[in-house]
Amino acid sequence: MSNRSKKNLFVVLMAGALVFGLSTVALAQTPSGTSIDNTATLDYFVGGTQQAQVTSNTASFVVDNKVDLTVTTVDAAIVSVVP
């Protein structure tokens, strides 16, 4: 195996590890009833001159409960439905 193919394999393995490692953080579940407030702040320059900082309104929401349903039929025959 050449050094180039070893390097490519290493890069692919590291990228995969990074993707799988970050996905577990993204799956962290926030408890229901938690209040979340979000505000954005913008700093920018026009012609090299810094402009006044702009702050958005605060967006707030409360984390809701996740409903996980399992639906089963009790009919022996096929049930036809029309959307």
PDB file of N, CA and C in Angstrom:
ATOM      1  N   MET A   1       0.864  -1.174   0.000  1.00  0.00           N
ATOM      2  CA  MET A   1       0.000   0.000   0.000  1.00  0.00           C
ATOM      3  C   MET A   1       0.907   1.232   0.000  1.00  0.00           C
ATOM      4  N   SER A   2       0.653   2.152  -0.925  1.00  0.00           N
ATOM      5  CA  SER A   2       1.507   3.335  -1.036  1.00  0.00           C
ATOM      6  C   SER A   2       1.188   4.344   0.060  1.00  0.00           C
ATOM      7  N   ASN A   3       2.096   5.282   0.236  1.00  0.00           N
ATOM      8  CA  ASN A   3       1.886   6.323   1.246  1.00  0.00           C
ATOM      9  C   ASN A   3       0.669   7.175   0.921  1.00  0.00           C
ATOM     10  N   ARG A   4       0.450   7.421  -0.380  1.00  0.00           N
ATOM     11  CA  ARG A   4      -0.695   8.250  -0.784  1.00  0.00           C
ATOM     12  C   ARG A   4      -2.012   7.564  -0.427  1.00  0.00           C
ATOM     13  N   SER A   5      -2.124   6.268  -0.707  1.00  0.00           N
ATOM     14  CA  SER A   5      -3.366   5.564  -0.390  1.00  0.00           C
ATOM     15  C   SER A   5      -3.554   5.434   1.119  1.00  0.00           C
ATOM     16  N   LYS A   6      -2.459   5.310   1.873  1.00  0.00           N
ATOM     17  CA  LYS A   6      -2.566   5.281   3.333  1.00  0.00           C
ATOM     18  C   LYS A   6      -3.072   6.622   3.856  1.00  0.00           C
ATOM     19  N   LYS A   7      -2.553   7.696   3.251  1.00  0.00           N
ATOM     20  CA  LYS A   7      -2.984   9.032   3.668  1.00  0.00           C
ATOM     21  C   LYS A   7      -4.462   9.239   3.343  1.00  0.00           C
ATOM     22  N   ASN A   8      -4.886   8.816   2.150  1.00  0.00           N
ATOM     23  CA  ASN A   8      -6.296   8.947   1.771  1.00  0.00           C
ATOM     24  C   ASN A   8      -7.191   8.133   2.700  1.00  0.00           C
ATOM     25  N   LEU A   9      -6.771   6.932   3.027  1.00  0.00           N
ATOM     26  CA  LEU A   9      -7.537   6.090   3.938  1.00  0.00           C
ATOM     27  C   LEU A   9      -7.638   6.744   5.311  1.00  0.00           C
ATOM     28  N   PHE A  10      -6.534   7.312   5.787  1.00  0.00           N
ATOM     29  CA  PHE A  10      -6.525   7.995   7.080  1.00  0.00           C
ATOM     30  C   PHE A  10      -7.494   9.174   7.072  1.00  0.00           C
ATOM     31  N   VAL A  11      -7.478   9.964   5.997  1.00  0.00           N
ATOM     32  CA  VAL A  11      -8.368  11.128   5.893  1.00  0.00           C
ATOM     33  C   VAL A  11      -9.828  10.681   5.910  1.00  0.00           C
ATOM     34  N   VAL A  12     -10.145   9.635   5.175  1.00  0.00           N
ATOM     35  CA  VAL A  12     -11.524   9.130   5.137  1.00  0.00           C
ATOM     36  C   VAL A  12     -11.949   8.618   6.508  1.00  0.00           C
ATOM     37  N   LEU A  13     -11.089   7.879   7.176  1.00  0.00           N
ATOM     38  CA  LEU A  13     -11.423   7.356   8.504  1.00  0.00           C
ATOM     39  C   LEU A  13     -11.606   8.478   9.516  1.00  0.00           C
ATOM     40  N   MET A  14     -10.760   9.489   9.466  1.00  0.00           N
ATOM     41  CA  MET A  14     -10.884  10.619  10.393  1.00  0.00           C
ATOM     42  C   MET A  14     -12.162  11.415  10.117  1.00  0.00           C
ATOM     43  N   ALA A  15     -12.502  11.600   8.843  1.00  0.00           N
ATOM     44  CA  ALA A  15     -13.737  12.311   8.504  1.00  0.00           C
ATOM     45  C   ALA A  15     -14.946  11.534   9.017  1.00  0.00           C
ATOM     46  N   GLY A  16     -14.927  10.211   8.850  1.00  0.00           N
ATOM     47  CA  GLY A  16     -16.020   9.384   9.357  1.00  0.00           C
ATOM     48  C   GLY A  16     -16.130   9.454  10.866  1.00  0.00           C
ATOM     49  N   ALA A  17     -14.995   9.414  11.546  1.00  0.00           N
ATOM     50  CA  ALA A  17     -15.009   9.506  13.010  1.00  0.00           C
ATOM     51  C   ALA A  17     -15.547  10.858  13.457  1.00  0.00           C
ATOM     52  N   LEU A  18     -15.189  11.910  12.741  1.00  0.00           N
ATOM     53  CA  LEU A  18     -15.669  13.248  13.078  1.00  0.00           C
ATOM     54  C   LEU A  18     -17.180  13.337  12.903  1.00  0.00           C
ATOM     55  N   VAL A  19     -17.684  12.808  11.789  1.00  0.00           N
ATOM     56  CA  VAL A  19     -19.129  12.848  11.536  1.00  0.00           C
ATOM     57  C   VAL A  19     -19.883  12.068  12.602  1.00  0.00           C
ATOM     58  N   PHE A  20     -19.446  10.865  12.909  1.00  0.00           N
ATOM     59  CA  PHE A  20     -20.146  10.061  13.906  1.00  0.00           C
ATOM     60  C   PHE A  20     -19.984  10.632  15.308  1.00  0.00           C
ATOM     61  N   GLY A  21     -18.855  11.231  15.597  1.00  0.00           N
ATOM     62  CA  GLY A  21     -18.636  11.842  16.909  1.00  0.00           C
ATOM     63  C   GLY A  21     -19.519  13.048  17.126  1.00  0.00           C
ATOM     64  N   LEU A  22     -19.688  13.873  16.093  1.00  0.00           N
ATOM     65  CA  LEU A  22     -20.526  15.061  16.222  1.00  0.00           C
ATOM     66  C   LEU A  22     -22.009  14.720  16.229  1.00  0.00           C
ATOM     67  N   SER A  23     -22.386  13.623  15.582  1.00  0.00           N
ATOM     68  CA  SER A  23     -23.804  13.286  15.520  1.00  0.00           C
ATOM     69  C   SER A  23     -24.361  12.941  16.898  1.00  0.00           C
ATOM     70  N   THR A  24     -23.556  12.405  17.791  1.00  0.00           N
ATOM     71  CA  THR A  24     -24.057  12.087  19.127  1.00  0.00           C
ATOM     72  C   THR A  24     -24.338  13.352  19.920  1.00  0.00           C
ATOM     73  N   VAL A  25     -23.567  14.407  19.680  1.00  0.00           N
ATOM     74  CA  VAL A  25     -23.817  15.682  20.346  1.00  0.00           C
ATOM     75  C   VAL A  25     -25.117  16.277  19.828  1.00  0.00           C
ATOM     76  N   ALA A  26     -25.355  16.161  18.535  1.00  0.00           N
ATOM     77  CA  ALA A  26     -26.564  16.720  17.940  1.00  0.00           C
ATOM     78  C   ALA A  26     -27.818  15.998  18.427  1.00  0.00           C
ATOM     79  N   LEU A  27     -27.672  14.780  18.899  1.00  0.00           N
ATOM     80  CA  LEU A  27     -28.824  14.005  19.349  1.00  0.00           C
ATOM     81  C   LEU A  27     -29.130  14.194  20.828  1.00  0.00           C
ATOM     82  N   ALA A  28     -28.410  15.066  21.496  1.00  0.00           N
ATOM     83  CA  ALA A  28     -28.685  15.321  22.913  1.00  0.00           C
ATOM     84  C   ALA A  28     -30.102  15.863  23.034  1.00  0.00           C
ATOM     85  N   GLN A  29     -30.898  15.267  23.885  1.00  0.00           N
ATOM     86  CA  GLN A  29     -32.301  15.651  23.997  1.00  0.00           C
ATOM     87  C   GLN A  29     -32.477  16.654  25.123  1.00  0.00           C
ATOM     88  N   THR A  30     -33.051  17.802  24.775  1.00  0.00           N
ATOM     89  CA  THR A  30     -33.366  18.822  25.766  1.00  0.00           C
ATOM     90  C   THR A  30     -34.649  18.409  26.473  1.00  0.00           C
ATOM     91  N   PRO A  31     -34.696  18.444  27.786  1.00  0.00           N
ATOM     92  CA  PRO A  31     -35.900  18.038  28.515  1.00  0.00           C
ATOM     93  C   PRO A  31     -37.106  18.910  28.154  1.00  0.00           C
ATOM     94  N   SER A  32     -38.289  18.295  28.079  1.00  0.00           N
ATOM     95  CA  SER A  32     -39.491  19.068  27.782  1.00  0.00           C
ATOM     96  C   SER A  32     -39.749  20.060  28.908  1.00  0.00           C
ATOM     97  N   GLY A  33     -40.344  21.190  28.538  1.00  0.00           N
ATOM     98  CA  GLY A  33     -40.620  22.239  29.505  1.00  0.00           C
ATOM     99  C   GLY A  33     -39.485  23.243  29.640  1.00  0.00           C
ATOM    100  N   THR A  34     -38.353  22.983  28.952  1.00  0.00           N
ATOM    101  CA  THR A  34     -37.217  23.898  29.010  1.00  0.00           C
ATOM    102  C   THR A  34     -37.499  25.119  28.141  1.00  0.00           C
ATOM    103  N   SER A  35     -37.290  26.307  28.682  1.00  0.00           N
ATOM    104  CA  SER A  35     -37.476  27.547  27.931  1.00  0.00           C
ATOM    105  C   SER A  35     -36.174  27.898  27.224  1.00  0.00           C
ATOM    106  N   ILE A  36     -36.264  28.210  25.930  1.00  0.00           N
ATOM    107  CA  ILE A  36     -35.088  28.564  25.144  1.00  0.00           C
ATOM    108  C   ILE A  36     -35.287  29.956  24.569  1.00  0.00           C
ATOM    109  N   ASP A  37     -34.312  30.831  24.791  1.00  0.00           N
ATOM    110  CA  ASP A  37     -34.318  32.189  24.256  1.00  0.00           C
ATOM    111  C   ASP A  37     -33.152  32.311  23.281  1.00  0.00           C
ATOM    112  N   ASN A  38     -33.401  32.945  22.125  1.00  0.00           N
ATOM    113  CA  ASN A  38     -32.368  33.078  21.113  1.00  0.00           C
ATOM    114  C   ASN A  38     -32.339  34.506  20.600  1.00  0.00           C
ATOM    115  N   THR A  39     -31.154  35.109  20.594  1.00  0.00           N
ATOM    116  CA  THR A  39     -30.961  36.461  20.085  1.00  0.00           C
ATOM    117  C   THR A  39     -29.751  36.459  19.164  1.00  0.00           C
ATOM    118  N   ALA A  40     -29.876  37.111  18.005  1.00  0.00           N
ATOM    119  CA  ALA A  40     -28.757  37.220  17.068  1.00  0.00           C
ATOM    120  C   ALA A  40     -28.171  38.622  17.136  1.00  0.00           C
ATOM    121  N   THR A  41     -26.855  38.709  17.007  1.00  0.00           N
ATOM    122  CA  THR A  41     -26.159  39.995  17.007  1.00  0.00           C
ATOM    123  C   THR A  41     -25.324  40.092  15.737  1.00  0.00           C
ATOM    124  N   LEU A  42     -25.393  41.239  15.060  1.00  0.00           N
ATOM    125  CA  LEU A  42     -24.684  41.438  13.800  1.00  0.00           C
ATOM    126  C   LEU A  42     -23.683  42.575  13.942  1.00  0.00           C
ATOM    127  N   ASP A  43     -22.421  42.277  13.625  1.00  0.00           N
ATOM    128  CA  ASP A  43     -21.369  43.292  13.543  1.00  0.00           C
ATOM    129  C   ASP A  43     -20.916  43.335  12.088  1.00  0.00           C
ATOM    130  N   TYR A  44     -20.790  44.536  11.505  1.00  0.00           N
ATOM    131  CA  TYR A  44     -20.368  44.616  10.113  1.00  0.00           C
ATOM    132  C   TYR A  44     -19.666  45.940   9.830  1.00  0.00           C
ATOM    133  N   PHE A  45     -18.967  45.958   8.695  1.00  0.00           N
ATOM    134  CA  PHE A  45     -18.222  47.133   8.252  1.00  0.00           C
ATOM    135  C   PHE A  45     -18.735  47.567   6.888  1.00  0.00           C
ATOM    136  N   VAL A  46     -18.760  48.871   6.636  1.00  0.00           N
ATOM    137  CA  VAL A  46     -19.083  49.427   5.327  1.00  0.00           C
ATOM    138  C   VAL A  46     -17.930  50.338   4.942  1.00  0.00           C
ATOM    139  N   GLY A  47     -17.245  49.996   3.847  1.00  0.00           N
ATOM    140  CA  GLY A  47     -16.111  50.803   3.407  1.00  0.00           C
ATOM    141  C   GLY A  47     -15.019  50.899   4.450  1.00  0.00           C
ATOM    142  N   GLY A  48     -14.838  49.853   5.242  1.00  0.00           N
ATOM    143  CA  GLY A  48     -13.806  49.839   6.262  1.00  0.00           C
ATOM    144  C   GLY A  48     -14.205  50.502   7.567  1.00  0.00           C
ATOM    145  N   THR A  49     -15.422  51.060   7.628  1.00  0.00           N
ATOM    146  CA  THR A  49     -15.893  51.723   8.840  1.00  0.00           C
ATOM    147  C   THR A  49     -16.870  50.811   9.570  1.00  0.00           C
ATOM    148  N   GLN A  50     -16.594  50.558  10.835  1.00  0.00           N
ATOM    149  CA  GLN A  50     -17.481  49.698  11.606  1.00  0.00           C
ATOM    150  C   GLN A  50     -18.816  50.393  11.828  1.00  0.00           C
ATOM    151  N   GLN A  51     -19.887  49.657  11.619  1.00  0.00           N
ATOM    152  CA  GLN A  51     -21.238  50.177  11.787  1.00  0.00           C
ATOM    153  C   GLN A  51     -21.773  49.793  13.163  1.00  0.00           C
ATOM    154  N   ALA A  52     -22.863  50.452  13.532  1.00  0.00           N
ATOM    155  CA  ALA A  52     -23.478  50.161  14.835  1.00  0.00           C
ATOM    156  C   ALA A  52     -23.942  48.708  14.875  1.00  0.00           C
ATOM    157  N   GLN A  53     -23.733  48.084  16.006  1.00  0.00           N
ATOM    158  CA  GLN A  53     -24.138  46.692  16.188  1.00  0.00           C
ATOM    159  C   GLN A  53     -25.663  46.592  16.135  1.00  0.00           C
ATOM    160  N   VAL A  54     -26.143  45.567  15.436  1.00  0.00           N
ATOM    161  CA  VAL A  54     -27.579  45.332  15.311  1.00  0.00           C
ATOM    162  C   VAL A  54     -27.919  44.064  16.084  1.00  0.00           C
ATOM    163  N   THR A  55     -28.932  44.154  16.946  1.00  0.00           N
ATOM    164  CA  THR A  55     -29.378  43.003  17.730  1.00  0.00           C
ATOM    165  C   THR A  55     -30.829  42.705  17.393  1.00  0.00           C
ATOM    166  N   SER A  56     -31.123  41.435  17.137  1.00  0.00           N
ATOM    167  CA  SER A  56     -32.487  41.035  16.787  1.00  0.00           C
ATOM    168  C   SER A  56     -33.378  41.010  18.021  1.00  0.00           C
ATOM    169  N   ASN A  57     -34.663  40.900  17.776  1.00  0.00           N
ATOM    170  CA  ASN A  57     -35.599  40.654  18.868  1.00  0.00           C
ATOM    171  C   ASN A  57     -35.327  39.254  19.409  1.00  0.00           C
ATOM    172  N   THR A  58     -35.660  39.025  20.641  1.00  0.00           N
ATOM    173  CA  THR A  58     -35.463  37.709  21.239  1.00  0.00           C
ATOM    174  C   THR A  58     -36.599  36.782  20.823  1.00  0.00           C
ATOM    175  N   ALA A  59     -36.219  35.637  20.283  1.00  0.00           N
ATOM    176  CA  ALA A  59     -37.190  34.603  19.937  1.00  0.00           C
ATOM    177  C   ALA A  59     -37.177  33.581  21.067  1.00  0.00           C
ATOM    178  N   SER A  60     -38.339  33.269  21.614  1.00  0.00           N
ATOM    179  CA  SER A  60     -38.434  32.342  22.742  1.00  0.00           C
ATOM    180  C   SER A  60     -39.409  31.219  22.424  1.00  0.00           C
ATOM    181  N   PHE A  61     -39.098  30.041  22.919  1.00  0.00           N
ATOM    182  CA  PHE A  61     -40.042  28.930  22.839  1.00  0.00           C
ATOM    183  C   PHE A  61     -39.765  27.957  23.970  1.00  0.00           C
ATOM    184  N   VAL A  62     -40.733  27.106  24.225  1.00  0.00           N
ATOM    185  CA  VAL A  62     -40.614  26.087  25.271  1.00  0.00           C
ATOM    186  C   VAL A  62     -40.599  24.727  24.584  1.00  0.00           C
ATOM    187  N   VAL A  63     -39.648  23.887  24.949  1.00  0.00           N
ATOM    188  CA  VAL A  63     -39.541  22.552  24.376  1.00  0.00           C
ATOM    189  C   VAL A  63     -40.770  21.750  24.777  1.00  0.00           C
ATOM    190  N   ASP A  64     -41.400  21.136  23.784  1.00  0.00           N
ATOM    191  CA  ASP A  64     -42.637  20.388  24.012  1.00  0.00           C
ATOM    192  C   ASP A  64     -42.332  18.905  24.220  1.00  0.00           C
ATOM    193  N   ASN A  65     -43.347  18.145  24.565  1.00  0.00           N
ATOM    194  CA  ASN A  65     -43.209  16.701  24.739  1.00  0.00           C
ATOM    195  C   ASN A  65     -43.197  16.013  23.386  1.00  0.00           C
ATOM    196  N   LYS A  66     -42.394  14.982  23.261  1.00  0.00           N
ATOM    197  CA  LYS A  66     -42.380  14.165  22.057  1.00  0.00           C
ATOM    198  C   LYS A  66     -43.426  13.074  22.229  1.00  0.00           C
ATOM    199  N   VAL A  67     -44.305  12.958  21.244  1.00  0.00           N
ATOM    200  CA  VAL A  67     -45.337  11.929  21.281  1.00  0.00           C
ATOM    201  C   VAL A  67     -44.914  10.829  20.315  1.00  0.00           C
ATOM    202  N   ASP A  68     -44.750   9.634  20.813  1.00  0.00           N
ATOM    203  CA  ASP A  68     -44.333   8.494  20.005  1.00  0.00           C
ATOM    204  C   ASP A  68     -45.473   7.483  19.998  1.00  0.00           C
ATOM    205  N   LEU A  69     -46.205   7.439  18.893  1.00  0.00           N
ATOM    206  CA  LEU A  69     -47.389   6.586  18.808  1.00  0.00           C
ATOM    207  C   LEU A  69     -47.097   5.305  18.042  1.00  0.00           C
ATOM    208  N   THR A  70     -47.759   4.252  18.432  1.00  0.00           N
ATOM    209  CA  THR A  70     -47.776   3.015  17.672  1.00  0.00           C
ATOM    210  C   THR A  70     -49.231   2.719  17.352  1.00  0.00           C
ATOM    211  N   VAL A  71     -49.536   2.645  16.052  1.00  0.00           N
ATOM    212  CA  VAL A  71     -50.915   2.428  15.620  1.00  0.00           C
ATOM    213  C   VAL A  71     -51.020   1.023  15.052  1.00  0.00           C
ATOM    214  N   THR A  72     -51.982   0.265  15.546  1.00  0.00           N
ATOM    215  CA  THR A  72     -52.209  -1.087  15.044  1.00  0.00           C
ATOM    216  C   THR A  72     -53.681  -1.248  14.710  1.00  0.00           C
ATOM    217  N   THR A  73     -53.958  -2.217  13.884  1.00  0.00           N
ATOM    218  CA  THR A  73     -55.345  -2.493  13.512  1.00  0.00           C
ATOM    219  C   THR A  73     -55.848  -3.712  14.277  1.00  0.00           C
ATOM    220  N   VAL A  74     -57.145  -3.740  14.524  1.00  0.00           N
ATOM    221  CA  VAL A  74     -57.757  -4.897  15.173  1.00  0.00           C
ATOM    222  C   VAL A  74     -58.684  -5.619  14.204  1.00  0.00           C
ATOM    223  N   ASP A  75     -58.752  -5.104  12.962  1.00  0.00           N
ATOM    224  CA  ASP A  75     -59.598  -5.732  11.946  1.00  0.00           C
ATOM    225  C   ASP A  75     -58.881  -6.938  11.344  1.00  0.00           C
ATOM    226  N   ALA A  76     -59.648  -7.982  11.056  1.00  0.00           N
ATOM    227  CA  ALA A  76     -59.072  -9.169  10.433  1.00  0.00           C
ATOM    228  C   ALA A  76     -58.873  -8.947   8.938  1.00  0.00           C
ATOM    229  N   ALA A  77     -59.721  -8.110   8.332  1.00  0.00           N
ATOM    230  CA  ALA A  77     -59.646  -7.865   6.893  1.00  0.00           C
ATOM    231  C   ALA A  77     -58.824  -6.605   6.609  1.00  0.00           C
ATOM    232  N   ILE A  78     -58.467  -6.430   5.333  1.00  0.00           N
ATOM    233  CA  ILE A  78     -57.743  -5.235   4.909  1.00  0.00           C
ATOM    234  C   ILE A  78     -58.667  -4.033   5.019  1.00  0.00           C
ATOM    235  N   VAL A  79     -58.161  -2.934   5.535  1.00  0.00           N
ATOM    236  CA  VAL A  79     -58.940  -1.712   5.689  1.00  0.00           C
ATOM    237  C   VAL A  79     -58.535  -0.750   4.582  1.00  0.00           C
ATOM    238  N   SER A  80     -59.483  -0.333   3.750  1.00  0.00           N
ATOM    239  CA  SER A  80     -59.207   0.611   2.668  1.00  0.00           C
ATOM    240  C   SER A  80     -59.422   2.024   3.171  1.00  0.00           C
ATOM    241  N   VAL A  81     -58.551   2.921   2.759  1.00  0.00           N
ATOM    242  CA  VAL A  81     -58.682   4.323   3.145  1.00  0.00           C
ATOM    243  C   VAL A  81     -58.571   5.197   1.908  1.00  0.00           C
ATOM    244  N   VAL A  82     -59.180   6.366   1.974  1.00  0.00           N
ATOM    245  CA  VAL A  82     -59.106   7.332   0.885  1.00  0.00           C
ATOM    246  C   VAL A  82     -58.588   8.640   1.472  1.00  0.00           C
ATOM    247  N   PRO A  83     -57.517   9.178   0.887  1.00  0.00           N
ATOM    248  CA  PRO A  83     -56.977  10.428   1.444  1.00  0.00           C
ATOM    249  C   PRO A  83     -57.904  11.606   1.221  1.00  0.00           C
TER     250      PRO A  83
END
